[in-house]
C-alpha atoms as a PDB file:
ATOM      1  CA  THR A   1      47.288 130.406  48.302  1.00  0.00           C
ATOM      2  CA  ALA A   2      44.729 132.871  49.206  1.00  0.00           C
ATOM      3  CA  ASP A   3      44.273 133.400  45.437  1.00  0.00           C
ATOM      4  CA  GLN A   4      43.166 129.818  44.785  1.00  0.00           C
ATOM      5  CA  THR A   5      39.602 129.493  43.502  1.00  0.00           C
ATOM      6  CA  ALA A   6      36.818 127.252  45.154  1.00  0.00           C
ATOM      7  CA  GLY A   7      37.243 124.776  42.370  1.00  0.00           C
ATOM      8  CA  SER A   8      40.963 124.209  42.562  1.00  0.00           C
ATOM      9  CA  PRO A   9      42.095 120.726  43.764  1.00  0.00           C
ATOM     10  CA  GLU A  10      42.836 120.337  47.354  1.00  0.00           C
ATOM     11  CA  SER A  11      46.298 120.017  48.823  1.00  0.00           C
ATOM     12  CA  ILE A  12      47.295 116.450  49.947  1.00  0.00           C
ATOM     13  CA  ASN A  13      49.841 117.942  52.254  1.00  0.00           C
ATOM     14  CA  PRO A  14      47.881 118.996  55.327  1.00  0.00           C
ATOM     15  CA  GLY A  15      49.513 120.995  58.043  1.00  0.00           C
ATOM     16  CA  VAL A  16      51.514 123.062  55.485  1.00  0.00           C
ATOM     17  CA  PRO A  17      50.493 126.826  55.297  1.00  0.00           C
ATOM     18  CA  ALA A  18      48.396 127.508  52.369  1.00  0.00           C
ATOM     19  CA  ASP A  19      50.896 130.164  51.027  1.00  0.00           C
ATOM     20  CA  SER A  20      53.710 127.594  51.106  1.00  0.00           C
ATOM     21  CA  PRO A  21      55.160 126.387  47.894  1.00  0.00           C
ATOM     22  CA  GLU A  22      54.600 122.893  49.106  1.00  0.00           C
ATOM     23  CA  ALA A  23      50.953 123.459  50.024  1.00  0.00           C
ATOM     24  CA  SER A  24      49.461 122.115  46.650  1.00  0.00           C
ATOM     25  CA  THR A  25      50.947 119.158  44.782  1.00  0.00           C
ATOM     26  CA  ALA A  26      47.839 118.854  42.575  1.00  0.00           C
ATOM     27  CA  PRO A  27      48.608 118.215  38.918  1.00  0.00           C
ATOM     28  CA  ALA A  28      48.666 121.207  36.585  1.00  0.00           C
ATOM     29  CA  ASN A  29      46.212 119.629  34.064  1.00  0.00           C
ATOM     30  CA  THR A  30      43.352 118.704  36.419  1.00  0.00           C
ATOM     31  CA  GLN A  31      39.628 119.736  36.406  1.00  0.00           C
ATOM     32  CA  THR A  32      36.915 119.516  38.862  1.00  0.00           C
ATOM     33  CA  ALA A  33      34.041 117.008  38.651  1.00  0.00           C
ATOM     34  CA  GLU A  34      31.765 119.884  37.732  1.00  0.00           C
ATOM     35  CA  GLN A  35      34.059 120.990  34.981  1.00  0.00           C
ATOM     36  CA  ALA A  36      34.185 117.415  33.622  1.00  0.00           C
ATOM     37  CA  ASN A  37      30.346 117.156  33.606  1.00  0.00           C
ATOM     38  CA  THR A  38      30.290 120.419  31.541  1.00  0.00           C
ATOM     39  CA  ASN A  39      32.806 119.121  29.197  1.00  0.00           C
ATOM     40  CA  GLY A  40      30.641 115.952  28.592  1.00  0.00           C
ATOM     41  CA  ASP A  41      33.174 113.753  30.507  1.00  0.00           C
ATOM     42  CA  ALA A  42      30.580 112.112  32.995  1.00  0.00           C
ATOM     43  CA  GLN A  43      33.093 109.100  33.751  1.00  0.00           C
ATOM     44  CA  ALA A  44      35.534 111.657  35.320  1.00  0.00           C
ATOM     45  CA  ALA A  45      32.905 112.661  37.777  1.00  0.00           C
ATOM     46  CA  VAL A  46      32.103 109.213  39.036  1.00  0.00           C
ATOM     47  CA  ALA A  47      33.826 108.376  42.232  1.00  0.00           C
ATOM     48  CA  SER A  48      35.284 104.810  42.813  1.00  0.00           C
ATOM     49  CA  PRO A  49      34.050 102.854  45.708  1.00  0.00           C
ATOM     50  CA  SER A  50      36.601 103.193  48.539  1.00  0.00           C
ATOM     51  CA  THR A  51      38.220  99.903  49.916  1.00  0.00           C
ATOM     52  CA  PRO A  52      40.357  99.644  53.180  1.00  0.00           C
ATOM     53  CA  GLU A  53      43.420  99.510  51.020  1.00  0.00           C
ATOM     54  CA  ASP A  54      42.638 103.105  49.719  1.00  0.00           C
ATOM     55  CA  GLU A  55      42.622 104.355  53.219  1.00  0.00           C
ATOM     56  CA  THR A  56      46.021 102.936  54.191  1.00  0.00           C
ATOM     57  CA  GLU A  57      48.841 105.425  53.968  1.00  0.00           C
ATOM     58  CA  GLN A  58      51.584 104.289  51.494  1.00  0.00           C
ATOM     59  CA  PRO A  59      54.436 106.071  49.822  1.00  0.00           C
ATOM     60  CA  TYR A  60      53.471 107.339  46.371  1.00  0.00           C
ATOM     61  CA  ILE A  61      55.175 109.449  43.739  1.00  0.00           C
ATOM     62  CA  MET A  62      53.087 112.022  42.048  1.00  0.00           C
ATOM     63  CA  ASP A  63      53.836 113.610  38.621  1.00  0.00           C
ATOM     64  CA  THR A  64      52.651 117.207  38.800  1.00  0.00           C
ATOM     65  CA  GLY A  65      52.914 117.553  34.973  1.00  0.00           C
ATOM     66  CA  SER A  66      51.124 114.599  33.653  1.00  0.00           C
ATOM     67  CA  GLY A  67      48.598 114.180  36.762  1.00  0.00           C
ATOM     68  CA  LEU A  68      49.547 110.641  37.314  1.00  0.00           C
ATOM     69  CA  PHE A  69      50.674 109.009  40.467  1.00  0.00           C
ATOM     70  CA  HIS A  70      52.779 105.890  41.022  1.00  0.00           C
ATOM     71  CA  THR A  71      53.992 103.366  43.511  1.00  0.00           C
ATOM     72  CA  ASP A  72      57.360 104.066  44.894  1.00  0.00           C
ATOM     73  CA  ILE A  73      58.845 101.096  42.930  1.00  0.00           C
ATOM     74  CA  CYS A  74      57.222 101.944  39.538  1.00  0.00           C
ATOM     75  CA  THR A  75      59.729 102.182  36.739  1.00  0.00           C
ATOM     76  CA  ASP A  76      57.674 104.974  35.026  1.00  0.00           C
ATOM     77  CA  ALA A  77      58.293 107.049  38.229  1.00  0.00           C
ATOM     78  CA  ALA A  78      61.931 107.153  37.577  1.00  0.00           C
ATOM     79  CA  ALA A  79      61.600 109.144  34.510  1.00  0.00           C
ATOM     80  CA  ILE A  80      59.721 112.079  36.237  1.00  0.00           C
ATOM     81  CA  ALA A  81      61.502 115.242  35.906  1.00  0.00           C
ATOM     82  CA  VAL A  82      62.647 116.587  39.392  1.00  0.00           C
ATOM     83  CA  ASP A  83      60.577 119.822  39.024  1.00  0.00           C
ATOM     84  CA  GLN A  84      57.452 117.682  38.360  1.00  0.00           C
ATOM     85  CA  ARG A  85      58.031 114.967  40.970  1.00  0.00           C
ATOM     86  CA  SER A  86      56.403 115.097  44.462  1.00  0.00           C
ATOM     87  CA  GLU A  87      56.790 112.148  46.882  1.00  0.00           C
ATOM     88  CA  ARG A  88      54.327 111.758  49.753  1.00  0.00           C
ATOM     89  CA  THR A  89      53.149 108.988  52.287  1.00  0.00           C
ATOM     90  CA  THR A  90      49.493 109.185  52.253  1.00  0.00           C
ATOM     91  CA  ALA A  91      46.178 107.468  51.523  1.00  0.00           C
ATOM     92  CA  ARG A  92      45.282 106.601  47.870  1.00  0.00           C
ATOM     93  CA  THR A  93      41.809 108.233  48.240  1.00  0.00           C
ATOM     94  CA  LYS A  94      43.576 111.609  49.183  1.00  0.00           C
ATOM     95  CA  ILE A  95      45.690 111.535  46.007  1.00  0.00           C
ATOM     96  CA  LEU A  96      42.572 110.588  43.790  1.00  0.00           C
ATOM     97  CA  ASP A  97      40.691 113.584  45.691  1.00  0.00           C
ATOM     98  CA  ALA A  98      43.370 115.842  44.743  1.00  0.00           C
ATOM     99  CA  GLY A  99      42.857 115.123  40.940  1.00  0.00           C
ATOM    100  CA  TYR A 100      45.506 112.602  40.200  1.00  0.00           C
ATOM    101  CA  GLN A 101      44.913 109.490  38.125  1.00  0.00           C
ATOM    102  CA  PRO A 102      46.666 106.162  38.761  1.00  0.00           C
ATOM    103  CA  CYS A 103      49.633 105.172  36.472  1.00  0.00           C
ATOM    104  CA  PRO A 104      48.456 102.553  33.958  1.00  0.00           C
ATOM    105  CA  ASN A 105      51.674 100.689  34.387  1.00  0.00           C
ATOM    106  CA  CYS A 106      51.831 100.126  38.245  1.00  0.00           C
ATOM    107  CA  ASN A 107      48.175 100.835  38.800  1.00  0.00           C
ATOM    108  CA  PRO A 108      48.611 102.016  42.327  1.00  0.00           C
END
């Protein structure tokens, strides 16, 4: 929305108007790299090297409550509440850039 701050995670749903409820699917408990550095969490601010697989669009399931993302066949994804579940076909790097972390079970 127009009220979003400059430090808020980016939407991974390009083409959707910013004031749309679907515009941002960023997890509720994310922080920017700058915030991570001020909290002493330097590892969160380090970007992973990008691989060709990271740029390939694939179906992912995001949990907006926990901030995790899953493969579409992950058993943990089945337990995500409907109001916290977001499904997108996109590149892995875009999900990471939006502030999500990979599921430790399926490791997408």
